[in-house]
N, C-alpha and C. Protein backbone atom coordinates (compact mmCIF):
# COMPACT_ATOMS: atom_id res chain seq x y z
N MET A 1 115.22 107.22 91.50
CA MET A 1 115.58 106.38 90.38
C MET A 1 114.85 105.06 90.50
N TYR A 2 114.35 104.59 89.40
CA TYR A 2 113.63 103.33 89.39
C TYR A 2 114.40 102.34 88.53
N LEU A 3 114.74 101.22 89.10
CA LEU A 3 115.43 100.17 88.36
C LEU A 3 114.44 99.07 88.08
N ARG A 4 114.47 98.59 86.85
CA ARG A 4 113.56 97.54 86.44
C ARG A 4 114.37 96.45 85.78
N PRO A 5 114.17 95.20 86.19
CA PRO A 5 114.90 94.12 85.52
C PRO A 5 114.62 94.12 84.03
N LYS A 6 115.64 93.81 83.27
CA LYS A 6 115.52 93.80 81.81
C LYS A 6 114.39 92.87 81.37
N GLY A 7 113.55 93.39 80.48
CA GLY A 7 112.45 92.60 79.94
C GLY A 7 111.19 92.59 80.80
N LEU A 8 111.23 93.21 81.96
CA LEU A 8 110.08 93.24 82.84
C LEU A 8 109.45 94.63 82.83
N SER A 9 108.16 94.68 82.60
CA SER A 9 107.46 95.96 82.60
C SER A 9 106.58 96.02 83.84
N VAL A 10 106.79 97.04 84.64
CA VAL A 10 106.01 97.21 85.86
C VAL A 10 105.21 98.50 85.71
N CYS A 11 103.91 98.40 85.91
CA CYS A 11 103.09 99.60 85.80
C CYS A 11 102.50 99.94 87.16
N VAL A 12 102.08 101.19 87.31
CA VAL A 12 101.47 101.69 88.53
C VAL A 12 99.97 101.74 88.33
N ARG A 13 99.22 101.25 89.30
CA ARG A 13 97.76 101.28 89.23
C ARG A 13 97.26 102.60 89.81
N TYR A 14 97.30 103.62 88.99
CA TYR A 14 96.75 104.92 89.37
C TYR A 14 95.23 104.81 89.40
N GLY A 15 94.61 105.69 90.16
CA GLY A 15 93.15 105.74 90.17
C GLY A 15 92.50 104.83 91.19
N ASP A 16 93.28 103.97 91.85
CA ASP A 16 92.72 103.10 92.88
C ASP A 16 92.66 103.80 94.24
N GLY A 17 93.23 105.00 94.33
CA GLY A 17 93.21 105.74 95.57
C GLY A 17 94.12 105.17 96.64
N LEU A 18 95.19 104.49 96.24
CA LEU A 18 96.09 103.86 97.21
C LEU A 18 97.36 104.63 97.49
N ILE A 19 97.79 105.46 96.55
CA ILE A 19 99.07 106.14 96.70
C ILE A 19 99.04 107.12 97.87
N ALA A 20 98.03 107.95 97.97
CA ALA A 20 97.95 108.93 99.05
C ALA A 20 97.90 108.25 100.43
N PRO A 21 97.10 107.19 100.63
CA PRO A 21 97.12 106.53 101.94
C PRO A 21 98.48 105.89 102.28
N TYR A 22 99.15 105.32 101.30
CA TYR A 22 100.50 104.77 101.55
C TYR A 22 101.44 105.89 101.97
N TYR A 23 101.38 107.00 101.25
CA TYR A 23 102.23 108.15 101.56
C TYR A 23 101.92 108.66 102.97
N ALA A 24 100.64 108.76 103.30
CA ALA A 24 100.24 109.23 104.63
C ALA A 24 100.76 108.29 105.71
N GLY A 25 100.68 107.00 105.46
CA GLY A 25 101.16 106.03 106.43
C GLY A 25 102.66 106.16 106.69
N TRP A 26 103.44 106.33 105.63
CA TRP A 26 104.89 106.49 105.80
C TRP A 26 105.24 107.82 106.44
N LEU A 27 104.50 108.88 106.11
CA LEU A 27 104.72 110.17 106.77
C LEU A 27 104.44 110.06 108.27
N ASN A 28 103.35 109.39 108.59
CA ASN A 28 102.98 109.20 109.98
C ASN A 28 104.05 108.40 110.73
N TYR A 29 104.52 107.34 110.11
CA TYR A 29 105.58 106.54 110.72
C TYR A 29 106.83 107.39 110.93
N GLN A 30 107.17 108.19 109.94
CA GLN A 30 108.35 109.05 110.03
C GLN A 30 108.21 110.05 111.19
N ARG A 31 107.02 110.59 111.38
CA ARG A 31 106.79 111.53 112.48
C ARG A 31 106.85 110.85 113.84
N GLN A 32 106.28 109.65 113.92
CA GLN A 32 106.22 108.94 115.19
C GLN A 32 107.58 108.34 115.59
N SER A 33 108.34 107.91 114.60
CA SER A 33 109.63 107.25 114.86
C SER A 33 110.69 107.82 113.93
N PRO A 34 111.07 109.08 114.14
CA PRO A 34 111.96 109.74 113.18
C PRO A 34 113.33 109.09 113.02
N GLU A 35 113.81 108.35 113.99
CA GLU A 35 115.13 107.75 113.89
C GLU A 35 115.11 106.28 113.48
N ARG A 36 113.94 105.69 113.45
CA ARG A 36 113.86 104.27 113.08
C ARG A 36 113.78 104.12 111.57
N TYR A 37 114.64 103.30 111.03
CA TYR A 37 114.66 103.00 109.61
C TYR A 37 114.65 104.27 108.76
N LYS A 38 115.38 105.26 109.22
CA LYS A 38 115.35 106.59 108.63
C LYS A 38 115.60 106.58 107.13
N SER A 39 116.63 105.90 106.67
CA SER A 39 116.94 105.91 105.23
C SER A 39 115.90 105.14 104.43
N LYS A 40 115.38 104.04 104.97
CA LYS A 40 114.38 103.25 104.25
C LYS A 40 113.07 104.02 104.13
N VAL A 41 112.66 104.68 105.20
CA VAL A 41 111.42 105.47 105.17
C VAL A 41 111.56 106.61 104.17
N SER A 42 112.70 107.28 104.18
CA SER A 42 112.95 108.35 103.21
C SER A 42 112.90 107.82 101.78
N GLU A 43 113.44 106.63 101.59
CA GLU A 43 113.43 106.00 100.26
C GLU A 43 111.99 105.70 99.82
N PHE A 44 111.18 105.14 100.72
CA PHE A 44 109.79 104.84 100.38
C PHE A 44 109.02 106.11 100.03
N LEU A 45 109.21 107.16 100.82
CA LEU A 45 108.53 108.43 100.53
C LEU A 45 108.99 109.00 99.19
N ALA A 46 110.29 108.95 98.93
CA ALA A 46 110.81 109.45 97.65
C ALA A 46 110.27 108.64 96.48
N ASN A 47 110.14 107.34 96.65
CA ASN A 47 109.59 106.51 95.58
C ASN A 47 108.13 106.88 95.30
N LEU A 48 107.35 107.09 96.34
CA LEU A 48 105.95 107.49 96.14
C LEU A 48 105.86 108.87 95.50
N GLU A 49 106.74 109.78 95.90
CA GLU A 49 106.77 111.10 95.27
C GLU A 49 107.17 110.97 93.79
N GLY A 50 108.07 110.07 93.50
CA GLY A 50 108.45 109.85 92.11
C GLY A 50 107.30 109.30 91.28
N ILE A 51 106.51 108.45 91.87
CA ILE A 51 105.36 107.89 91.16
C ILE A 51 104.36 108.97 90.80
N VAL A 52 104.08 109.88 91.74
CA VAL A 52 103.10 110.93 91.44
C VAL A 52 103.70 112.10 90.68
N GLY A 53 104.99 112.34 90.86
CA GLY A 53 105.62 113.49 90.22
C GLY A 53 106.22 113.20 88.87
N LEU A 54 106.67 111.97 88.67
CA LEU A 54 107.40 111.66 87.44
C LEU A 54 106.96 110.39 86.73
N GLY A 55 106.19 109.55 87.40
CA GLY A 55 105.83 108.25 86.84
C GLY A 55 105.15 108.34 85.49
N THR A 56 105.55 107.49 84.58
CA THR A 56 104.98 107.50 83.23
C THR A 56 104.45 106.13 82.82
N CYS A 57 104.47 105.18 83.70
CA CYS A 57 104.06 103.82 83.33
C CYS A 57 102.82 103.44 84.12
N ALA A 58 101.66 103.75 83.57
CA ALA A 58 100.39 103.47 84.23
C ALA A 58 99.75 102.22 83.66
N CYS A 59 99.10 101.45 84.53
CA CYS A 59 98.37 100.27 84.08
C CYS A 59 97.06 100.67 83.40
N GLY A 60 96.50 101.80 83.80
CA GLY A 60 95.20 102.21 83.30
C GLY A 60 95.28 103.41 82.37
N ALA A 61 94.16 104.06 82.23
CA ALA A 61 94.02 105.18 81.30
C ALA A 61 94.53 106.49 81.90
N LEU A 62 94.70 107.47 81.05
CA LEU A 62 95.15 108.80 81.44
C LEU A 62 94.29 109.38 82.55
N GLU A 63 93.00 109.15 82.49
CA GLU A 63 92.08 109.70 83.49
C GLU A 63 92.41 109.17 84.89
N SER A 64 92.84 107.91 84.98
CA SER A 64 93.18 107.35 86.29
C SER A 64 94.40 108.04 86.88
N VAL A 65 95.35 108.41 86.02
CA VAL A 65 96.54 109.13 86.48
C VAL A 65 96.13 110.50 87.01
N GLN A 66 95.33 111.20 86.23
CA GLN A 66 94.89 112.54 86.64
C GLN A 66 94.10 112.48 87.95
N GLN A 67 93.24 111.50 88.09
CA GLN A 67 92.44 111.34 89.30
C GLN A 67 93.35 111.14 90.51
N GLU A 68 94.34 110.29 90.39
CA GLU A 68 95.27 110.02 91.49
C GLU A 68 96.09 111.26 91.85
N LEU A 69 96.54 111.99 90.84
CA LEU A 69 97.36 113.18 91.09
C LEU A 69 96.55 114.26 91.78
N HIS A 70 95.32 114.47 91.34
CA HIS A 70 94.45 115.46 92.00
C HIS A 70 94.18 115.06 93.46
N ALA A 71 93.93 113.78 93.70
CA ALA A 71 93.67 113.31 95.06
C ALA A 71 94.90 113.53 95.95
N PHE A 72 96.09 113.29 95.40
CA PHE A 72 97.31 113.46 96.18
C PHE A 72 97.50 114.92 96.57
N THR A 73 97.37 115.82 95.59
CA THR A 73 97.59 117.24 95.90
C THR A 73 96.53 117.79 96.86
N LYS A 74 95.33 117.25 96.79
CA LYS A 74 94.27 117.68 97.70
C LYS A 74 94.58 117.23 99.13
N ARG A 75 95.06 116.01 99.26
CA ARG A 75 95.35 115.47 100.59
C ARG A 75 96.63 116.04 101.19
N PHE A 76 97.60 116.36 100.33
CA PHE A 76 98.90 116.87 100.79
C PHE A 76 99.22 118.19 100.09
N PRO A 77 98.49 119.26 100.43
CA PRO A 77 98.66 120.53 99.72
C PRO A 77 100.05 121.15 99.86
N SER A 78 100.80 120.78 100.88
CA SER A 78 102.14 121.36 101.04
C SER A 78 103.27 120.39 100.72
N ALA A 79 102.96 119.28 100.09
CA ALA A 79 104.00 118.31 99.74
C ALA A 79 104.99 118.92 98.76
N ARG A 80 106.26 118.61 98.95
CA ARG A 80 107.30 119.20 98.10
C ARG A 80 107.19 118.76 96.64
N VAL A 81 106.50 117.68 96.37
CA VAL A 81 106.38 117.17 95.00
C VAL A 81 105.24 117.84 94.23
N ASN A 82 104.43 118.64 94.89
CA ASN A 82 103.26 119.23 94.23
C ASN A 82 103.59 120.11 93.04
N GLY A 83 104.73 120.77 93.03
CA GLY A 83 105.12 121.57 91.86
C GLY A 83 105.26 120.69 90.62
N LYS A 84 105.87 119.53 90.79
CA LYS A 84 106.01 118.59 89.68
C LYS A 84 104.65 118.06 89.25
N ILE A 85 103.79 117.81 90.22
CA ILE A 85 102.45 117.31 89.89
C ILE A 85 101.67 118.37 89.12
N ARG A 86 101.73 119.62 89.58
CA ARG A 86 101.02 120.70 88.87
C ARG A 86 101.54 120.84 87.43
N ASP A 87 102.86 120.78 87.27
CA ASP A 87 103.44 120.85 85.93
C ASP A 87 102.97 119.69 85.07
N ARG A 88 102.93 118.52 85.67
CA ARG A 88 102.49 117.33 84.95
C ARG A 88 101.03 117.43 84.53
N LEU A 89 100.18 117.91 85.42
CA LEU A 89 98.76 118.07 85.09
C LEU A 89 98.56 119.13 84.02
N ALA A 90 99.31 120.22 84.10
CA ALA A 90 99.22 121.27 83.08
C ALA A 90 99.67 120.75 81.72
N GLN A 91 100.74 119.98 81.70
CA GLN A 91 101.22 119.39 80.45
C GLN A 91 100.18 118.45 79.86
N ARG A 92 99.50 117.71 80.72
CA ARG A 92 98.46 116.79 80.24
C ARG A 92 97.30 117.54 79.59
N GLU A 93 97.02 118.75 80.06
CA GLU A 93 95.96 119.55 79.45
C GLU A 93 96.35 120.03 78.06
N VAL A 94 97.60 120.42 77.90
CA VAL A 94 98.08 120.98 76.63
C VAL A 94 98.35 119.88 75.61
N ASP A 95 99.09 118.86 76.02
CA ASP A 95 99.49 117.78 75.12
C ASP A 95 99.52 116.47 75.90
N PRO A 96 98.37 115.82 76.07
CA PRO A 96 98.28 114.67 76.96
C PRO A 96 99.17 113.49 76.59
N TRP A 97 99.62 113.40 75.37
CA TRP A 97 100.39 112.22 74.97
C TRP A 97 101.87 112.54 74.72
N SER A 98 102.33 113.72 75.10
CA SER A 98 103.76 114.03 74.88
C SER A 98 104.65 113.19 75.77
N VAL A 99 104.17 112.83 76.94
CA VAL A 99 104.86 111.87 77.80
C VAL A 99 103.95 110.66 77.90
N PRO A 100 104.42 109.51 77.47
CA PRO A 100 103.53 108.34 77.46
C PRO A 100 103.04 107.98 78.85
N VAL A 101 101.84 107.48 78.91
CA VAL A 101 101.26 107.07 80.18
C VAL A 101 101.19 105.55 80.25
N ARG A 102 100.76 104.95 79.19
CA ARG A 102 100.64 103.48 79.16
C ARG A 102 101.99 102.88 78.79
N CYS A 103 102.31 101.77 79.42
CA CYS A 103 103.53 101.07 79.03
C CYS A 103 103.17 99.60 78.77
N SER A 104 104.03 98.96 78.06
CA SER A 104 103.74 97.55 77.74
C SER A 104 104.87 96.68 78.17
């Protein structure tokens, strides 16, 4: 779940190639220190999965979203969120604007 203060629009900068490295870093931390900050690390990972699996508020163009999603699935082929990403990419092929990408 993403909470946003009323009147504030926050967008995700897809296409910069940062989401997969952040995800990798938190996965690595989770593996190295499984009991440290367990709930916070799980929350960070879930938030990043939400961004790639469900996020609809991009700062850039549709192509940047697709680029980031493809990079994520390539780097993490067994990630549990990949089913949502594949569905999202397929939907973008059929009807790219049925779920808005840009937000204001």
